Amino acid sequence: MQVKPSSQPVVLSIPICHYDDTESAKASRRQLKEAIYKVLFDMNVPAVCAINQATLALYAARRTSGIVVNIGFQVTSIVPILNGKVIRKVGVEVMGLGALKLTGFLRELLQQNNINFDSLYTVRTVKEV
């Protein structure tokens, strides 16, 4: 894109993955953010805004409140958001069930109906169409 880092502010998207509220988890997230900020400011970035991916997805849909379901490769997260803030008290759910397991489950269902595919890639393509 040939954009100089010093000429543009950066919006940093942060995934919601392990949202436990223990002090060590909070400290770990804080330390990660500070390290990323340091690297970006060392590159002379004028400003950084860190926001979680679920909130960005909601904003992209022109909403500030809702429930965001993000199905990733290995993990699915369900994030309740009210007025742009993640509602941790209600509960952010992170499950170890992602697209890979869903594809495997679909393959099993197809095999039960005597529909067999040699590769998971083909099953994934069928799932995504």
N, C-alpha and C. Protein backbone atom coordinates (compact mmCIF):
# COMPACT_ATOMS: atom_id res chain seq x y z
N MET A 1 0.81 -1.18 0.00
CA MET A 1 0.00 0.00 0.00
C MET A 1 0.86 1.25 0.00
N GLN A 2 2.11 1.12 0.32
CA GLN A 2 3.08 2.21 0.28
C GLN A 2 2.63 3.43 1.09
N VAL A 3 2.14 3.18 2.30
CA VAL A 3 1.75 4.25 3.21
C VAL A 3 2.82 4.34 4.29
N LYS A 4 3.29 5.54 4.54
CA LYS A 4 4.28 5.73 5.59
C LYS A 4 3.59 5.64 6.95
N PRO A 5 4.12 4.82 7.87
CA PRO A 5 3.48 4.69 9.18
C PRO A 5 3.36 6.02 9.92
N SER A 6 4.27 6.93 9.68
CA SER A 6 4.26 8.19 10.40
C SER A 6 3.18 9.15 9.89
N SER A 7 2.52 8.79 8.79
CA SER A 7 1.54 9.72 8.22
C SER A 7 0.09 9.36 8.56
N GLN A 8 -0.15 8.22 9.17
CA GLN A 8 -1.52 7.78 9.41
C GLN A 8 -1.69 7.24 10.83
N PRO A 9 -2.81 7.58 11.48
CA PRO A 9 -3.13 6.90 12.74
C PRO A 9 -3.49 5.44 12.46
N VAL A 10 -3.42 4.60 13.48
CA VAL A 10 -3.66 3.16 13.32
C VAL A 10 -4.83 2.74 14.19
N VAL A 11 -5.75 1.97 13.61
CA VAL A 11 -6.79 1.31 14.39
C VAL A 11 -6.34 -0.13 14.57
N LEU A 12 -6.19 -0.54 15.80
CA LEU A 12 -5.67 -1.86 16.13
C LEU A 12 -6.84 -2.73 16.59
N SER A 13 -7.11 -3.82 15.87
CA SER A 13 -8.20 -4.71 16.28
C SER A 13 -7.63 -5.80 17.17
N ILE A 14 -8.31 -6.01 18.28
CA ILE A 14 -7.87 -6.99 19.28
C ILE A 14 -8.90 -8.10 19.35
N PRO A 15 -8.48 -9.35 19.13
CA PRO A 15 -9.45 -10.45 19.22
C PRO A 15 -9.86 -10.71 20.66
N ILE A 16 -11.09 -11.13 20.82
CA ILE A 16 -11.53 -11.58 22.14
C ILE A 16 -11.28 -13.08 22.16
N CYS A 17 -10.30 -13.49 22.92
CA CYS A 17 -10.02 -14.92 22.94
C CYS A 17 -10.15 -15.47 24.35
N HIS A 18 -9.37 -15.00 25.26
CA HIS A 18 -9.43 -15.53 26.63
C HIS A 18 -9.83 -14.39 27.55
N TYR A 19 -11.12 -14.23 27.73
CA TYR A 19 -11.60 -13.08 28.48
C TYR A 19 -11.94 -13.45 29.91
N ASP A 20 -10.99 -14.06 30.61
CA ASP A 20 -11.24 -14.23 32.03
C ASP A 20 -10.77 -12.95 32.73
N ASP A 21 -11.38 -12.65 33.85
CA ASP A 21 -11.10 -11.39 34.53
C ASP A 21 -10.16 -11.55 35.72
N THR A 22 -9.31 -12.57 35.68
CA THR A 22 -8.32 -12.70 36.74
C THR A 22 -7.29 -11.59 36.57
N GLU A 23 -6.65 -11.26 37.65
CA GLU A 23 -5.65 -10.18 37.60
C GLU A 23 -4.50 -10.52 36.66
N SER A 24 -4.09 -11.79 36.63
CA SER A 24 -2.98 -12.17 35.75
C SER A 24 -3.39 -12.06 34.27
N ALA A 25 -4.65 -12.39 33.96
CA ALA A 25 -5.12 -12.26 32.57
C ALA A 25 -5.19 -10.80 32.16
N LYS A 26 -5.70 -9.94 33.07
CA LYS A 26 -5.75 -8.51 32.77
C LYS A 26 -4.35 -7.95 32.57
N ALA A 27 -3.42 -8.35 33.42
CA ALA A 27 -2.04 -7.88 33.31
C ALA A 27 -1.40 -8.35 32.01
N SER A 28 -1.71 -9.58 31.62
CA SER A 28 -1.17 -10.12 30.38
C SER A 28 -1.68 -9.34 29.17
N ARG A 29 -2.99 -9.05 29.14
CA ARG A 29 -3.56 -8.25 28.04
C ARG A 29 -2.96 -6.85 28.01
N ARG A 30 -2.82 -6.24 29.19
CA ARG A 30 -2.25 -4.90 29.30
C ARG A 30 -0.81 -4.89 28.78
N GLN A 31 -0.04 -5.91 29.16
CA GLN A 31 1.36 -6.00 28.73
C GLN A 31 1.46 -6.17 27.22
N LEU A 32 0.56 -6.98 26.64
CA LEU A 32 0.56 -7.17 25.20
C LEU A 32 0.24 -5.87 24.48
N LYS A 33 -0.79 -5.14 24.95
CA LYS A 33 -1.15 -3.86 24.34
C LYS A 33 0.01 -2.87 24.42
N GLU A 34 0.64 -2.78 25.58
CA GLU A 34 1.75 -1.85 25.76
C GLU A 34 2.91 -2.18 24.82
N ALA A 35 3.18 -3.47 24.62
CA ALA A 35 4.27 -3.87 23.71
C ALA A 35 3.93 -3.48 22.26
N ILE A 36 2.67 -3.68 21.88
CA ILE A 36 2.25 -3.31 20.52
C ILE A 36 2.33 -1.80 20.35
N TYR A 37 1.85 -1.04 21.36
CA TYR A 37 1.92 0.41 21.29
C TYR A 37 3.37 0.88 21.14
N LYS A 38 4.26 0.29 21.92
CA LYS A 38 5.67 0.69 21.87
C LYS A 38 6.23 0.49 20.47
N VAL A 39 5.96 -0.66 19.86
CA VAL A 39 6.46 -0.93 18.51
C VAL A 39 5.89 0.08 17.52
N LEU A 40 4.59 0.34 17.62
CA LEU A 40 3.97 1.29 16.68
C LEU A 40 4.51 2.71 16.88
N PHE A 41 4.67 3.14 18.14
CA PHE A 41 5.19 4.49 18.37
C PHE A 41 6.66 4.59 17.99
N ASP A 42 7.40 3.48 18.09
CA ASP A 42 8.79 3.47 17.60
C ASP A 42 8.84 3.65 16.09
N MET A 43 7.74 3.28 15.41
CA MET A 43 7.64 3.48 13.96
C MET A 43 7.10 4.87 13.63
N ASN A 44 6.96 5.73 14.66
CA ASN A 44 6.48 7.11 14.53
C ASN A 44 5.01 7.21 14.11
N VAL A 45 4.20 6.22 14.46
CA VAL A 45 2.77 6.30 14.21
C VAL A 45 2.22 7.42 15.09
N PRO A 46 1.42 8.35 14.52
CA PRO A 46 0.97 9.50 15.31
C PRO A 46 -0.08 9.17 16.37
N ALA A 47 -0.91 8.13 16.15
CA ALA A 47 -1.96 7.79 17.12
C ALA A 47 -2.38 6.34 16.93
N VAL A 48 -2.81 5.72 18.03
CA VAL A 48 -3.27 4.33 17.99
C VAL A 48 -4.58 4.25 18.76
N CYS A 49 -5.54 3.56 18.16
CA CYS A 49 -6.81 3.28 18.84
C CYS A 49 -6.99 1.76 18.84
N ALA A 50 -7.03 1.17 20.02
CA ALA A 50 -7.22 -0.28 20.13
C ALA A 50 -8.68 -0.55 20.45
N ILE A 51 -9.29 -1.42 19.66
CA ILE A 51 -10.69 -1.76 19.86
C ILE A 51 -10.86 -3.24 19.54
N ASN A 52 -11.74 -3.93 20.25
CA ASN A 52 -11.86 -5.37 19.99
C ASN A 52 -12.62 -5.63 18.70
N GLN A 53 -12.37 -6.79 18.11
CA GLN A 53 -12.93 -7.14 16.81
C GLN A 53 -14.45 -7.20 16.81
N ALA A 54 -15.04 -7.65 17.91
CA ALA A 54 -16.50 -7.76 17.96
C ALA A 54 -17.15 -6.38 17.87
N THR A 55 -16.60 -5.41 18.57
CA THR A 55 -17.13 -4.05 18.52
C THR A 55 -16.97 -3.47 17.13
N LEU A 56 -15.83 -3.71 16.49
CA LEU A 56 -15.62 -3.23 15.13
C LEU A 56 -16.63 -3.83 14.16
N ALA A 57 -16.92 -5.12 14.33
CA ALA A 57 -17.89 -5.78 13.47
C ALA A 57 -19.27 -5.16 13.64
N LEU A 58 -19.63 -4.85 14.88
CA LEU A 58 -20.92 -4.23 15.14
C LEU A 58 -20.98 -2.83 14.53
N TYR A 59 -19.91 -2.06 14.69
CA TYR A 59 -19.86 -0.72 14.10
C TYR A 59 -19.97 -0.80 12.57
N ALA A 60 -19.35 -1.82 11.98
CA ALA A 60 -19.43 -1.98 10.52
C ALA A 60 -20.86 -2.21 10.07
N ALA A 61 -21.68 -2.79 10.94
CA ALA A 61 -23.09 -3.01 10.64
C ALA A 61 -23.94 -1.80 11.05
N ARG A 62 -23.27 -0.70 11.40
CA ARG A 62 -23.93 0.54 11.81
C ARG A 62 -24.81 0.35 13.05
N ARG A 63 -24.28 -0.43 13.98
CA ARG A 63 -24.97 -0.67 15.25
C ARG A 63 -23.99 -0.41 16.39
N THR A 64 -24.52 -0.10 17.56
CA THR A 64 -23.67 0.04 18.74
C THR A 64 -24.02 -0.98 19.81
N SER A 65 -25.14 -1.67 19.63
CA SER A 65 -25.54 -2.70 20.59
C SER A 65 -25.97 -3.95 19.83
N GLY A 66 -25.65 -5.10 20.40
CA GLY A 66 -26.03 -6.36 19.78
C GLY A 66 -25.19 -7.50 20.31
N ILE A 67 -25.38 -8.66 19.72
CA ILE A 67 -24.59 -9.84 20.08
C ILE A 67 -23.81 -10.24 18.84
N VAL A 68 -22.50 -10.31 18.98
CA VAL A 68 -21.63 -10.66 17.86
C VAL A 68 -21.18 -12.11 18.04
N VAL A 69 -21.38 -12.92 17.02
CA VAL A 69 -20.91 -14.30 17.02
C VAL A 69 -19.80 -14.39 15.97
N ASN A 70 -18.61 -14.72 16.43
CA ASN A 70 -17.46 -14.82 15.54
C ASN A 70 -17.01 -16.27 15.48
N ILE A 71 -17.20 -16.90 14.33
CA ILE A 71 -16.77 -18.29 14.16
C ILE A 71 -15.41 -18.27 13.48
N GLY A 72 -14.40 -18.58 14.25
CA GLY A 72 -13.04 -18.63 13.73
C GLY A 72 -12.68 -20.03 13.31
N PHE A 73 -11.40 -20.25 12.99
CA PHE A 73 -10.94 -21.54 12.52
C PHE A 73 -11.07 -22.61 13.60
N GLN A 74 -10.67 -22.26 14.84
CA GLN A 74 -10.73 -23.25 15.92
C GLN A 74 -11.60 -22.82 17.10
N VAL A 75 -12.00 -21.55 17.13
CA VAL A 75 -12.72 -21.02 18.28
C VAL A 75 -13.91 -20.19 17.81
N THR A 76 -15.01 -20.28 18.55
CA THR A 76 -16.17 -19.43 18.32
C THR A 76 -16.36 -18.57 19.55
N SER A 77 -16.58 -17.26 19.35
CA SER A 77 -16.84 -16.38 20.48
C SER A 77 -18.19 -15.70 20.30
N ILE A 78 -18.88 -15.54 21.42
CA ILE A 78 -20.16 -14.85 21.46
C ILE A 78 -19.98 -13.68 22.42
N VAL A 79 -20.19 -12.46 21.88
CA VAL A 79 -19.86 -11.26 22.63
C VAL A 79 -21.08 -10.32 22.69
N PRO A 80 -21.65 -10.11 23.88
CA PRO A 80 -22.74 -9.13 24.00
C PRO A 80 -22.15 -7.72 24.13
N ILE A 81 -22.72 -6.78 23.38
CA ILE A 81 -22.22 -5.41 23.39
C ILE A 81 -23.40 -4.46 23.57
N LEU A 82 -23.25 -3.51 24.50
CA LEU A 82 -24.28 -2.51 24.74
C LEU A 82 -23.65 -1.13 24.65
N ASN A 83 -24.15 -0.33 23.73
CA ASN A 83 -23.63 1.03 23.51
C ASN A 83 -22.12 1.05 23.30
N GLY A 84 -21.62 0.10 22.53
CA GLY A 84 -20.19 0.06 22.19
C GLY A 84 -19.29 -0.54 23.24
N LYS A 85 -19.85 -1.02 24.33
CA LYS A 85 -19.04 -1.62 25.41
C LYS A 85 -19.35 -3.10 25.53
N VAL A 86 -18.30 -3.90 25.65
CA VAL A 86 -18.48 -5.34 25.86
C VAL A 86 -19.03 -5.55 27.27
N ILE A 87 -20.11 -6.31 27.37
CA ILE A 87 -20.76 -6.57 28.65
C ILE A 87 -20.21 -7.89 29.20
N ARG A 88 -19.13 -7.78 29.96
CA ARG A 88 -18.50 -8.99 30.50
C ARG A 88 -19.33 -9.61 31.62
N LYS A 89 -20.11 -8.78 32.32
CA LYS A 89 -20.93 -9.29 33.42
C LYS A 89 -21.98 -10.28 32.91
N VAL A 90 -22.57 -9.99 31.75
CA VAL A 90 -23.54 -10.90 31.15
C VAL A 90 -22.83 -12.15 30.69
N GLY A 91 -21.64 -11.98 30.14
CA GLY A 91 -20.84 -13.14 29.79
C GLY A 91 -20.39 -13.19 28.35
N VAL A 92 -19.10 -13.16 28.19
CA VAL A 92 -18.49 -13.42 26.89
C VAL A 92 -18.21 -14.91 26.87
N GLU A 93 -18.72 -15.58 25.87
CA GLU A 93 -18.50 -17.02 25.76
C GLU A 93 -17.47 -17.30 24.68
N VAL A 94 -16.49 -18.12 25.00
CA VAL A 94 -15.50 -18.57 24.03
C VAL A 94 -15.51 -20.08 24.06
N MET A 95 -15.83 -20.68 22.91
CA MET A 95 -15.92 -22.14 22.82
C MET A 95 -14.83 -22.68 21.91
N GLY A 96 -14.36 -23.84 22.22
CA GLY A 96 -13.35 -24.50 21.39
C GLY A 96 -13.98 -25.21 20.21
N LEU A 97 -15.00 -24.63 19.64
CA LEU A 97 -15.68 -25.21 18.49
C LEU A 97 -15.64 -24.19 17.37
N GLY A 98 -14.80 -24.44 16.39
CA GLY A 98 -14.66 -23.50 15.29
C GLY A 98 -15.02 -24.14 13.96
N ALA A 99 -14.66 -23.45 12.91
CA ALA A 99 -15.01 -23.88 11.56
C ALA A 99 -14.43 -25.26 11.23
N LEU A 100 -13.25 -25.57 11.74
CA LEU A 100 -12.63 -26.86 11.45
C LEU A 100 -13.49 -28.01 11.98
N LYS A 101 -13.96 -27.90 13.22
CA LYS A 101 -14.80 -28.95 13.79
C LYS A 101 -16.16 -29.01 13.11
N LEU A 102 -16.70 -27.84 12.73
CA LEU A 102 -17.97 -27.81 12.01
C LEU A 102 -17.85 -28.52 10.67
N THR A 103 -16.72 -28.33 10.00
CA THR A 103 -16.49 -29.00 8.72
C THR A 103 -16.41 -30.52 8.92
N GLY A 104 -15.71 -30.94 9.97
CA GLY A 104 -15.63 -32.36 10.28
C GLY A 104 -16.99 -32.96 10.60
N PHE A 105 -17.81 -32.20 11.34
CA PHE A 105 -19.16 -32.65 11.68
C PHE A 105 -20.01 -32.79 10.42
N LEU A 106 -19.90 -31.82 9.50
CA LEU A 106 -20.64 -31.88 8.24
C LEU A 106 -20.20 -33.11 7.43
N ARG A 107 -18.91 -33.39 7.44
CA ARG A 107 -18.40 -34.56 6.72
C ARG A 107 -19.03 -35.84 7.26
N GLU A 108 -19.11 -35.94 8.60
CA GLU A 108 -19.72 -37.12 9.22
C GLU A 108 -21.19 -37.25 8.83
N LEU A 109 -21.92 -36.13 8.85
CA LEU A 109 -23.34 -36.17 8.46
C LEU A 109 -23.50 -36.62 7.01
N LEU A 110 -22.64 -36.13 6.14
CA LEU A 110 -22.70 -36.53 4.73
C LEU A 110 -22.39 -38.02 4.57
N GLN A 111 -21.39 -38.50 5.31
CA GLN A 111 -21.04 -39.93 5.23
C GLN A 111 -22.18 -40.81 5.72
N GLN A 112 -22.93 -40.36 6.72
CA GLN A 112 -24.08 -41.12 7.20
C GLN A 112 -25.15 -41.26 6.13
N ASN A 113 -25.15 -40.32 5.19
CA ASN A 113 -26.09 -40.36 4.07
C ASN A 113 -25.44 -40.88 2.80
N ASN A 114 -24.33 -41.63 2.97
CA ASN A 114 -23.59 -42.25 1.86
C ASN A 114 -23.09 -41.24 0.83
N ILE A 115 -22.74 -40.06 1.30
CA ILE A 115 -22.10 -39.05 0.45
C ILE A 115 -20.69 -38.88 0.98
N ASN A 116 -19.70 -39.35 0.19
CA ASN A 116 -18.33 -39.33 0.65
C ASN A 116 -17.47 -38.41 -0.21
N PHE A 117 -16.61 -37.66 0.48
CA PHE A 117 -15.63 -36.80 -0.18
C PHE A 117 -14.25 -37.21 0.28
N ASP A 118 -13.28 -37.16 -0.63
CA ASP A 118 -11.92 -37.56 -0.29
C ASP A 118 -11.22 -36.53 0.60
N SER A 119 -11.51 -35.26 0.38
CA SER A 119 -10.77 -34.25 1.13
C SER A 119 -11.70 -33.37 1.94
N LEU A 120 -11.17 -32.87 3.03
CA LEU A 120 -11.91 -31.92 3.85
C LEU A 120 -12.09 -30.60 3.12
N TYR A 121 -11.18 -30.30 2.19
CA TYR A 121 -11.29 -29.07 1.40
C TYR A 121 -12.61 -29.04 0.62
N THR A 122 -13.00 -30.20 0.05
CA THR A 122 -14.24 -30.27 -0.71
C THR A 122 -15.44 -30.06 0.21
N VAL A 123 -15.39 -30.66 1.40
CA VAL A 123 -16.47 -30.50 2.37
C VAL A 123 -16.55 -29.04 2.80
N ARG A 124 -15.40 -28.42 3.03
CA ARG A 124 -15.36 -27.01 3.41
C ARG A 124 -15.99 -26.14 2.32
N THR A 125 -15.70 -26.45 1.07
CA THR A 125 -16.26 -25.70 -0.04
C THR A 125 -17.78 -25.84 -0.08
N VAL A 126 -18.27 -27.05 0.15
CA VAL A 126 -19.71 -27.29 0.19
C VAL A 126 -20.32 -26.49 1.34
N LYS A 127 -19.66 -26.47 2.49
CA LYS A 127 -20.15 -25.75 3.67
C LYS A 127 -20.24 -24.25 3.39
N GLU A 128 -19.29 -23.71 2.69
CA GLU A 128 -19.22 -22.28 2.48
C GLU A 128 -20.05 -21.76 1.31
N VAL A 129 -20.60 -22.68 0.50
CA VAL A 129 -21.39 -22.23 -0.66
C VAL A 129 -22.80 -21.92 -0.29
